[in-house]
Protein backbone atom coordinates (compact mmCIF):
# COMPACT_ATOMS: atom_id res chain seq x y z
CA MET A 1 -8.29 -4.30 -26.27
CA ASN A 2 -10.01 -7.41 -25.50
CA HIS A 3 -12.06 -9.25 -22.79
CA SER A 4 -11.17 -12.74 -21.78
CA CYS A 5 -13.62 -15.14 -20.09
CA THR A 6 -13.24 -18.45 -18.83
CA ASN A 7 -16.04 -21.03 -18.07
CA ALA A 8 -15.68 -23.36 -15.33
CA SER A 9 -18.17 -24.40 -12.37
CA GLU A 10 -17.41 -21.67 -9.79
CA GLU A 11 -18.79 -18.81 -7.71
CA PRO A 12 -18.81 -15.58 -9.33
CA VAL A 13 -15.48 -13.76 -9.01
CA TRP A 14 -15.96 -9.98 -9.68
CA SER A 15 -13.66 -7.82 -11.81
CA THR A 16 -13.66 -4.10 -12.91
CA ASN A 17 -15.40 -4.50 -15.78
CA GLY A 18 -18.82 -5.28 -13.67
CA LYS A 19 -19.00 -9.05 -15.11
CA THR A 20 -17.83 -12.26 -13.91
CA ASP A 21 -13.93 -12.50 -14.10
CA SER A 22 -14.33 -16.38 -14.17
CA ALA A 23 -17.58 -18.20 -14.87
CA LYS A 24 -20.52 -18.19 -12.54
CA HIS A 25 -21.26 -21.51 -10.82
CA ALA A 26 -23.06 -23.37 -13.43
CA ALA A 27 -26.21 -24.51 -11.48
CA ASP A 28 -26.87 -20.38 -10.49
CA PHE A 29 -25.62 -18.23 -12.74
CA PRO A 30 -25.06 -18.49 -16.91
CA SER A 31 -21.53 -18.44 -18.30
CA HIS A 32 -20.91 -15.43 -20.62
CA CYS A 33 -18.46 -13.12 -21.71
CA GLU A 34 -18.93 -9.31 -22.75
CA THR A 35 -17.21 -6.69 -24.71
CA VAL A 36 -16.21 -3.26 -23.38
CA HIS A 37 -18.59 -0.61 -24.67
CA GLU A 38 -17.05 1.99 -26.81
CA ASN A 39 -17.93 4.91 -24.51
CA VAL A 40 -16.13 3.50 -21.38
CA PRO A 41 -13.01 5.17 -19.97
CA GLN A 42 -10.17 2.52 -20.35
CA LEU A 43 -6.43 2.37 -19.36
CA VAL A 44 -3.76 2.08 -21.91
CA VAL A 45 -1.19 -0.44 -20.78
CA THR A 46 2.27 0.36 -22.21
CA CYS A 47 5.43 -1.80 -21.39
CA ASP A 48 8.86 -0.85 -20.31
CA SER A 49 11.68 -2.62 -19.22
CA SER A 50 10.62 -3.00 -15.32
CA ARG A 51 7.31 -1.71 -15.38
CA ILE A 52 3.85 -1.20 -17.36
CA GLU A 53 2.85 2.63 -17.67
CA LEU A 54 -0.85 3.23 -17.22
CA GLU A 55 -1.94 6.14 -18.74
CA ALA A 56 -5.55 7.95 -19.04
CA MET A 57 -7.15 7.67 -22.37
CA ARG A 58 -10.11 10.12 -22.86
CA ILE A 59 -13.12 8.62 -24.78
CA SER A 60 -16.09 10.15 -25.78
CA GLY A 61 -15.32 12.90 -23.25
CA LEU A 62 -14.69 11.01 -20.14
CA SER A 63 -11.30 9.82 -18.75
CA ILE A 64 -9.42 8.46 -15.75
CA GLY A 65 -7.22 11.24 -14.49
CA SER A 66 -5.90 12.60 -11.64
CA HIS A 67 -8.09 14.40 -9.04
CA PRO A 68 -7.42 15.23 -5.34
CA ASP A 69 -8.16 12.79 -2.23
CA GLU A 70 -8.88 13.55 1.22
CA GLU A 71 -5.70 12.48 3.78
CA SER A 72 -6.45 10.32 6.05
CA ILE A 73 -7.71 11.68 9.35
CA CYS A 74 -6.87 8.49 11.13
CA SER A 75 -4.38 8.97 14.38
CA ASP A 76 -1.47 6.15 15.01
CA SER A 77 -2.99 5.52 18.18
CA GLY A 78 -2.67 1.77 19.12
CA PHE A 79 -5.39 -0.80 19.20
CA GLY A 80 -5.01 -1.77 22.83
CA GLY A 81 -5.09 1.88 24.04
CA SER A 82 -8.61 2.64 22.42
CA PRO A 83 -11.50 0.84 24.19
CA ALA A 84 -13.27 -2.01 21.88
CA SER A 85 -16.41 -0.35 23.10
CA LEU A 86 -15.33 2.66 21.49
CA LEU A 87 -14.33 1.17 17.85
CA LEU A 88 -17.47 -1.02 17.66
CA ARG A 89 -19.50 1.98 18.53
CA LYS A 90 -18.07 4.03 15.86
CA LEU A 91 -18.57 1.04 13.61
CA SER A 92 -21.59 0.70 14.13
CA ASN A 93 -22.80 3.91 13.58
CA ALA A 94 -21.11 3.66 9.93
CA SER A 95 -23.94 1.55 8.98
CA SER A 96 -23.66 2.61 5.29
CA SER A 97 -20.22 1.83 4.97
CA VAL A 98 -18.16 -1.39 4.11
CA LEU A 99 -14.80 -2.84 5.07
CA SER A 100 -11.96 -2.94 2.88
CA PRO A 101 -11.61 -6.32 1.41
CA ALA A 102 -7.76 -6.53 0.81
CA SER A 103 -7.49 -5.86 4.55
CA SER A 104 -8.37 -7.73 7.66
CA PHE A 105 -9.62 -7.24 11.20
CA GLU A 106 -6.35 -8.86 12.59
CA GLU A 107 -4.48 -6.79 15.15
CA ASN A 108 -1.14 -6.55 13.78
CA GLU A 109 1.31 -6.21 16.13
CA ASP A 110 3.67 -3.96 13.73
CA ASP A 111 0.54 -1.62 12.57
CA ARG A 112 -1.90 0.60 14.34
CA SER A 113 -5.67 0.47 14.13
CA CYS A 114 -7.47 3.19 12.77
CA LEU A 115 -11.07 4.01 12.04
CA ASP A 116 -11.02 6.01 8.42
CA GLU A 117 -14.13 7.16 6.67
CA VAL A 118 -12.92 8.28 2.96
CA PRO A 119 -14.59 8.98 -0.38
CA ARG A 120 -14.18 6.57 -3.10
CA SER A 121 -11.52 8.54 -5.02
CA VAL A 122 -7.99 8.23 -5.51
CA THR A 123 -5.37 10.42 -7.09
CA TRP A 124 -4.18 8.65 -9.82
CA LYS A 125 -0.79 10.05 -10.04
CA LYS A 126 1.96 8.31 -12.17
CA PRO A 127 0.13 5.39 -11.77
CA ARG A 128 2.75 2.08 -12.81
CA SER A 129 1.85 -1.38 -12.95
CA THR A 130 3.97 -4.60 -12.92
CA GLY A 131 1.43 -6.94 -12.98
CA THR A 132 -1.81 -7.71 -15.49
CA SER A 133 -2.62 -5.73 -18.31
CA SER A 134 -6.40 -6.52 -18.53
CA PRO A 135 -8.26 -3.22 -19.55
CA LEU A 136 -10.32 -1.77 -16.85
CA SER A 137 -13.78 -0.10 -17.33
CA VAL A 138 -16.17 1.78 -15.13
CA PRO A 139 -18.39 -0.51 -12.98
CA PRO A 140 -22.22 0.49 -12.95
CA LYS A 141 -22.51 0.07 -8.80
CA LYS A 142 -22.45 3.81 -7.45
CA PRO A 143 -19.20 4.31 -5.38
CA GLN A 144 -20.22 4.20 -1.52
CA PRO A 145 -18.23 4.96 1.73
CA TRP A 146 -15.29 3.14 2.75
CA VAL A 147 -13.69 2.52 6.13
CA GLN A 148 -10.20 1.34 7.21
CA VAL A 149 -10.22 -0.62 10.40
CA VAL A 150 -6.53 -1.58 10.83
CA GLY A 151 -3.18 -0.75 9.93
CA HIS A 152 -1.22 2.57 9.56
CA ALA A 153 -3.33 5.39 8.11
CA GLY A 154 -2.68 5.44 4.48
CA SER A 155 -2.22 1.83 4.24
CA PHE A 156 -5.48 1.47 2.56
CA HIS A 157 -7.23 3.72 -0.13
CA ALA A 158 -10.30 3.21 -2.08
CA GLY A 159 -9.79 3.69 -5.90
CA ASP A 160 -12.29 4.45 -8.38
CA TYR A 161 -13.72 1.74 -11.01
CA GLY A 162 -13.92 -0.96 -8.58
CA MET A 163 -10.33 -0.67 -7.52
CA LEU A 164 -8.52 -1.16 -3.81
CA LEU A 165 -4.84 0.60 -2.99
CA LYS A 166 -3.06 -1.38 -0.56
CA ARG A 167 0.31 -0.13 0.62
CA TYR A 168 3.03 -1.66 -1.51
CA THR A 169 5.00 -4.26 -0.27
CA GLU A 170 7.25 -6.42 -2.55
CA GLY A 171 6.45 -9.67 -0.80
CA GLU A 172 2.65 -9.41 -1.57
CA GLN A 173 3.66 -8.09 -4.78
CA LYS A 174 5.37 -11.01 -5.88
CA CYS A 175 2.71 -13.45 -4.32
CA LEU A 176 -0.08 -11.58 -6.29
CA GLN A 177 1.96 -11.81 -9.62
CA ARG A 178 2.26 -15.57 -9.09
CA LEU A 179 -1.57 -16.09 -8.15
CA MET A 180 -2.45 -14.23 -11.58
CA GLU A 181 -0.65 -17.23 -13.27
CA ASP A 182 -2.05 -20.14 -10.65
CA SER A 183 -4.94 -22.36 -10.76
CA LEU A 184 -5.87 -20.04 -7.51
CA ARG A 185 -6.39 -16.86 -9.53
CA PRO A 186 -10.43 -17.04 -9.58
CA PHE A 187 -10.17 -17.12 -5.55
CA VAL A 188 -7.87 -14.18 -5.09
CA PRO A 189 -8.46 -10.48 -5.70
CA GLY A 190 -7.56 -9.73 -9.42
CA TYR A 191 -4.29 -7.69 -9.22
CA HIS A 192 -3.41 -4.54 -11.82
CA GLY A 193 0.19 -3.76 -10.77
CA VAL A 194 1.65 -0.97 -8.95
CA VAL A 195 0.53 2.76 -8.68
CA GLN A 196 1.86 5.82 -7.11
CA ARG A 197 -0.07 8.12 -4.79
CA ALA A 198 1.73 10.79 -3.29
CA GLU A 199 5.20 9.35 -4.00
CA GLN A 200 3.69 6.27 -2.26
CA ASP A 201 3.71 2.83 -4.06
CA TYR A 202 0.25 0.87 -3.82
CA ASN A 203 -0.68 -2.59 -5.02
CA MET A 204 -3.47 -2.28 -7.32
CA MET A 205 -6.67 -4.69 -6.87
CA ASP A 206 -9.91 -5.47 -7.32
CA ASP A 207 -12.34 -4.18 -4.47
CA LEU A 208 -14.05 -7.36 -4.10
CA LEU A 209 -17.10 -5.75 -2.33
CA THR A 210 -18.25 -3.44 -5.49
CA HIS A 211 -21.06 -5.92 -6.83
CA PHE A 212 -22.80 -6.30 -3.17
CA ASN A 213 -25.63 -4.53 -2.09
CA SER A 214 -24.95 -3.47 1.64
CA PRO A 215 -22.93 -6.62 2.19
CA ALA A 216 -22.28 -8.81 5.48
CA ILE A 217 -18.55 -8.87 5.54
CA MET A 218 -16.48 -11.58 8.00
CA ASP A 219 -12.52 -12.28 7.99
CA CYS A 220 -11.27 -15.51 8.88
CA LYS A 221 -7.78 -15.88 9.65
CA MET A 222 -6.18 -19.29 8.65
CA GLY A 223 -3.96 -21.39 9.80
CA THR A 224 -2.60 -22.92 13.14
CA ARG A 225 0.06 -20.07 13.30
CA THR A 226 0.10 -16.54 12.13
CA TYR A 227 4.04 -16.02 12.54
CA LEU A 228 6.75 -17.06 10.24
CA GLU A 229 9.35 -19.56 11.53
CA GLU A 230 11.71 -16.80 10.53
CA GLU A 231 10.48 -14.57 13.04
CA LEU A 232 11.16 -17.12 15.98
CA VAL A 233 14.48 -17.00 14.92
CA LYS A 234 14.95 -13.38 14.52
CA ALA A 235 13.48 -13.03 18.04
CA ARG A 236 16.17 -15.41 19.63
CA GLU A 237 19.07 -13.48 17.98
CA ARG A 238 17.76 -9.92 18.73
CA PRO A 239 15.21 -10.17 20.96
CA GLN A 240 13.21 -6.70 21.43
CA PRO A 241 11.02 -7.04 24.69
CA ARG A 242 7.58 -4.60 23.78
CA GLN A 243 5.86 -2.91 26.47
CA ASP A 244 2.56 -2.19 24.08
CA MET A 245 2.57 -6.13 23.75
CA TYR A 246 2.93 -6.65 27.53
CA GLU A 247 -0.16 -4.21 28.29
CA LYS A 248 -2.52 -5.80 25.61
CA MET A 249 -1.38 -9.29 27.28
CA VAL A 250 -2.42 -7.96 30.75
CA ASP A 251 -5.60 -6.43 29.83
CA VAL A 252 -7.06 -9.80 28.92
CA ASP A 253 -5.17 -12.10 31.28
CA PRO A 254 -3.16 -10.26 34.40
CA GLU A 255 -1.84 -13.77 35.20
CA ALA A 256 -0.47 -14.30 31.92
CA PRO A 257 2.99 -12.59 31.77
CA THR A 258 6.07 -14.51 33.59
CA ALA A 259 7.65 -12.88 36.59
CA GLU A 260 10.63 -11.83 34.50
CA GLU A 261 7.96 -10.02 32.14
CA ARG A 262 6.31 -8.62 34.98
CA ALA A 263 9.60 -7.55 35.89
CA LEU A 264 10.49 -5.87 32.88
CA GLN A 265 7.16 -4.74 31.55
CA ALA A 266 7.46 -6.08 28.38
CA VAL A 267 7.36 -9.40 26.13
CA LEU A 268 8.63 -10.42 23.13
CA LYS A 269 6.28 -10.65 19.96
CA THR A 270 6.57 -14.00 19.13
CA ARG A 271 5.72 -14.52 22.74
CA TYR A 272 2.76 -12.61 22.87
CA MET A 273 1.74 -14.01 19.31
CA GLN A 274 1.98 -17.58 20.52
CA TRP A 275 0.28 -16.65 23.79
CA ARG A 276 -2.67 -14.98 21.82
CA GLU A 277 -3.15 -18.11 19.81
CA THR A 278 -3.91 -20.41 22.75
CA LEU A 279 -6.46 -18.29 23.58
CA SER A 280 -8.50 -18.40 20.29
CA SER A 281 -9.17 -21.30 17.67
CA THR A 282 -6.32 -20.75 15.89
CA THR A 283 -4.70 -23.65 17.87
CA THR A 284 -7.97 -25.89 18.31
CA LEU A 285 -9.30 -25.44 14.77
CA GLY A 286 -6.84 -24.37 12.58
CA PHE A 287 -8.57 -20.56 12.13
CA ARG A 288 -10.03 -17.94 13.96
CA ILE A 289 -12.59 -15.40 13.36
CA GLU A 290 -10.85 -12.09 13.31
CA GLY A 291 -14.12 -9.66 12.83
CA LEU A 292 -17.23 -9.39 11.31
CA LYS A 293 -19.72 -7.01 10.35
CA LYS A 294 -23.30 -7.63 9.41
CA ALA A 295 -25.61 -5.76 6.67
CA ASP A 296 -27.23 -3.38 9.54
CA GLY A 297 -23.57 -2.14 10.30
CA VAL A 298 -23.09 -3.78 13.48
CA CYS A 299 -19.55 -4.93 13.80
CA ASN A 300 -17.82 -7.20 16.17
CA THR A 301 -14.12 -7.87 16.55
CA ASN A 302 -14.23 -9.27 20.12
CA PHE A 303 -13.36 -13.01 18.94
CA LYS A 304 -9.92 -13.11 20.92
CA ARG A 305 -11.41 -15.54 23.31
CA THR A 306 -13.65 -17.46 20.97
CA LYS A 307 -11.92 -21.21 20.81
CA SER A 308 -14.08 -23.98 21.23
CA ARG A 309 -15.88 -25.28 18.23
CA GLU A 310 -19.37 -24.47 19.76
CA GLU A 311 -18.24 -20.66 20.21
CA VAL A 312 -17.00 -20.44 16.70
CA MET A 313 -20.39 -22.09 15.70
CA GLN A 314 -22.23 -19.41 17.58
CA ALA A 315 -20.38 -16.67 15.90
CA LEU A 316 -20.82 -18.17 12.54
CA GLN A 317 -24.61 -18.68 13.18
CA ASP A 318 -24.78 -14.63 14.05
CA PHE A 319 -23.07 -14.14 10.75
CA VAL A 320 -25.00 -15.81 8.57
CA GLY A 321 -28.52 -15.84 10.48
CA CYS A 322 -30.59 -18.81 9.48
CA SER A 323 -30.47 -18.73 5.43
CA ALA A 324 -29.64 -22.17 4.09
CA LEU A 325 -29.26 -20.12 0.60
CA ILE A 326 -25.99 -18.39 2.07
CA LEU A 327 -24.78 -21.35 3.99
CA LYS A 328 -24.89 -23.43 0.74
CA GLY A 329 -23.15 -20.67 -1.44
CA TYR A 330 -20.45 -20.32 1.22
CA LEU A 331 -19.90 -24.44 1.41
CA ARG A 332 -19.84 -24.71 -2.34
CA ARG A 333 -17.33 -21.94 -3.04
CA MET A 334 -15.35 -23.18 -0.14
CA LYS A 335 -15.22 -26.68 -1.51
CA ASP A 336 -14.21 -25.69 -4.95
CA LEU A 337 -11.38 -23.86 -3.27
CA ARG A 338 -10.22 -26.80 -1.29
CA LEU A 339 -9.97 -28.70 -4.44
CA VAL A 340 -8.10 -26.30 -6.32
CA LEU A 341 -5.55 -25.81 -2.83
CA GLU A 342 -4.83 -29.03 -3.06
CA THR A 343 -3.68 -29.25 -6.59
CA SER A 344 -2.41 -25.27 -6.77
CA ILE A 345 1.73 -25.14 -7.58
CA PHE A 346 1.48 -22.01 -5.54
CA PHE A 347 0.17 -23.53 -2.39
CA ARG A 348 2.36 -26.23 -2.44
CA THR A 349 5.54 -24.40 -2.40
CA HIS A 350 4.63 -21.46 -0.37
CA GLU A 351 4.26 -20.73 3.68
CA VAL A 352 1.01 -18.88 4.10
CA VAL A 353 1.05 -17.20 6.97
CA GLY A 354 -1.34 -14.32 8.13
CA SER A 355 -3.58 -15.02 5.61
CA SER A 356 -7.11 -14.57 5.88
CA LEU A 357 -10.42 -15.95 3.80
CA LEU A 358 -12.99 -13.10 3.11
CA PHE A 359 -16.35 -14.01 3.28
CA VAL A 360 -19.17 -11.75 1.90
CA HIS A 361 -22.82 -11.91 1.30
CA ASP A 362 -26.08 -9.91 0.74
CA SER A 363 -29.57 -9.93 1.19
CA THR A 364 -30.19 -11.46 -2.71
CA GLY A 365 -28.23 -14.73 -1.11
CA LYS A 366 -25.18 -13.50 -3.30
CA THR A 367 -22.09 -14.72 -1.37
CA GLY A 368 -18.40 -14.89 -2.08
CA VAL A 369 -15.41 -16.11 -0.12
CA TRP A 370 -11.82 -15.03 -1.34
CA MET A 371 -8.20 -15.65 0.11
CA ILE A 372 -6.56 -11.97 0.94
CA ASP A 373 -3.65 -10.70 2.54
CA PHE A 374 -0.45 -12.36 1.57
CA GLY A 375 2.04 -9.79 3.16
CA ARG A 376 3.56 -12.41 5.14
CA THR A 377 3.26 -15.26 2.74
CA VAL A 378 7.08 -16.57 1.45
CA PRO A 379 8.23 -19.22 -0.96
CA LEU A 380 9.77 -22.26 0.31
CA PRO A 381 13.61 -23.21 -0.70
CA PRO A 382 13.02 -25.85 -3.30
CA PRO A 383 12.56 -28.57 -3.37
CA LEU A 384 10.57 -28.21 0.04
CA THR A 385 6.84 -28.54 -0.41
CA LEU A 386 4.21 -28.29 2.33
CA ASP A 387 0.40 -30.29 2.24
CA HIS A 388 -0.70 -27.76 4.89
CA ARG A 389 -2.54 -30.26 6.99
CA THR A 390 0.63 -31.75 8.78
CA PRO A 391 1.00 -30.61 12.45
CA TRP A 392 3.59 -27.97 12.81
CA ILE A 393 6.89 -28.77 14.26
CA GLU A 394 9.32 -25.82 14.23
CA GLY A 395 11.65 -26.41 11.05
CA ASN A 396 8.92 -28.00 8.78
CA ARG A 397 7.27 -24.71 7.51
CA GLU A 398 3.65 -26.63 7.92
CA ASP A 399 0.94 -23.63 8.25
CA GLY A 400 -2.15 -25.94 8.85
CA TYR A 401 -4.05 -23.84 6.59
CA LEU A 402 -5.81 -27.02 4.91
CA TRP A 403 -6.80 -28.56 7.87
CA GLY A 404 -8.24 -25.16 9.45
CA LEU A 405 -10.29 -25.20 6.03
CA ASP A 406 -11.32 -28.81 6.96
CA ASN A 407 -12.61 -27.73 10.24
CA LEU A 408 -14.60 -24.77 8.96
CA ILE A 409 -16.06 -26.61 6.13
CA ASP A 410 -17.04 -29.25 8.50
CA ILE A 411 -18.69 -26.60 10.95
CA LEU A 412 -20.72 -24.76 8.23
CA THR A 413 -21.87 -28.14 6.97
CA ASP A 414 -23.27 -28.73 10.47
CA MET A 415 -25.11 -25.74 10.73
CA LEU A 416 -26.49 -26.27 7.10
CA HIS A 417 -28.00 -29.35 8.90
CA LEU A 418 -29.38 -27.68 11.71
CA THR A 419 -31.17 -25.27 9.46
């Protein structure tokens, strides 16, 4: 089984073999490609008409097999029903843990949040793949505890060998498959198909945190809206007022509901989401900070009212500290990403909504930025394309992703000059 390695001037994108999947940045890292050691357990990939079966192959007494994993101990209690201070205190106490790189801090209005620390193990039961067929090898890094912050209990599971399992959705699977063939591949988690755990399918992808030591992590939700145009249409056709969203709205601003909403004690999902975005920098800057976790374990998800450029800059300053090295690393990676986004066929032909940029750095100055969360990214009807900077008017499908990235780059550039 062969390894491929592409030489390009990009930040390192880590794959399961413990080396860079794309070449490292020419100024800081030598470009190289290494082969798999003979005594490393691998996955044998065989094809059938619809899926690719991943079978455990024993090599020198080592194997990738099935072993039990603890079930999630999270409840499905709503995000709004749990005090933010309790969530932050729990996260702060979990100083040795990391956050899922394929999930975000987004308050998903269809999901429920939980705090779930599980061992880095997963039952590989009848694993299946419909994606790439690259071999997997064991990374040298010792597994660390892992925390799921949002989503239904069981939506994410930490897998061995640098893998992360995310509950399967067909839309995200299709996006990840297409991204593996697109110029954006170095800027997204490596995708390895579908595996099954307890009769539930999961998309299997690289754990982007594997090669960082006690990383600081930030999730930025990109774009000027976090709902699809089709959601607006469905809400008008089949309005379903929701009490839980009304309660969340009142918790933030008791005067926000209309008289009719107060009478119903409920609001529509789209109404809540549009209202919420007016509170944050989503509408003013084209992105918002969903949450961040610093290297010391301190976590903050209280950014619902972080709206102005100055407030955002202050939050980013708290995240990166006074490190010019980290700022330069982030800026270089983001500028490279912007260049690729402007030419990417995938990006031009998809409405990218609810997707995040994951920022990761550690005390060594190593940095990484990746696009994550494609569950609500949808293809456009041909021949429609987007430039991702044009202001959104219902019907044009524009999402403001690149406009938000431009603003984020400008803010970090100003921060670097101040540093």
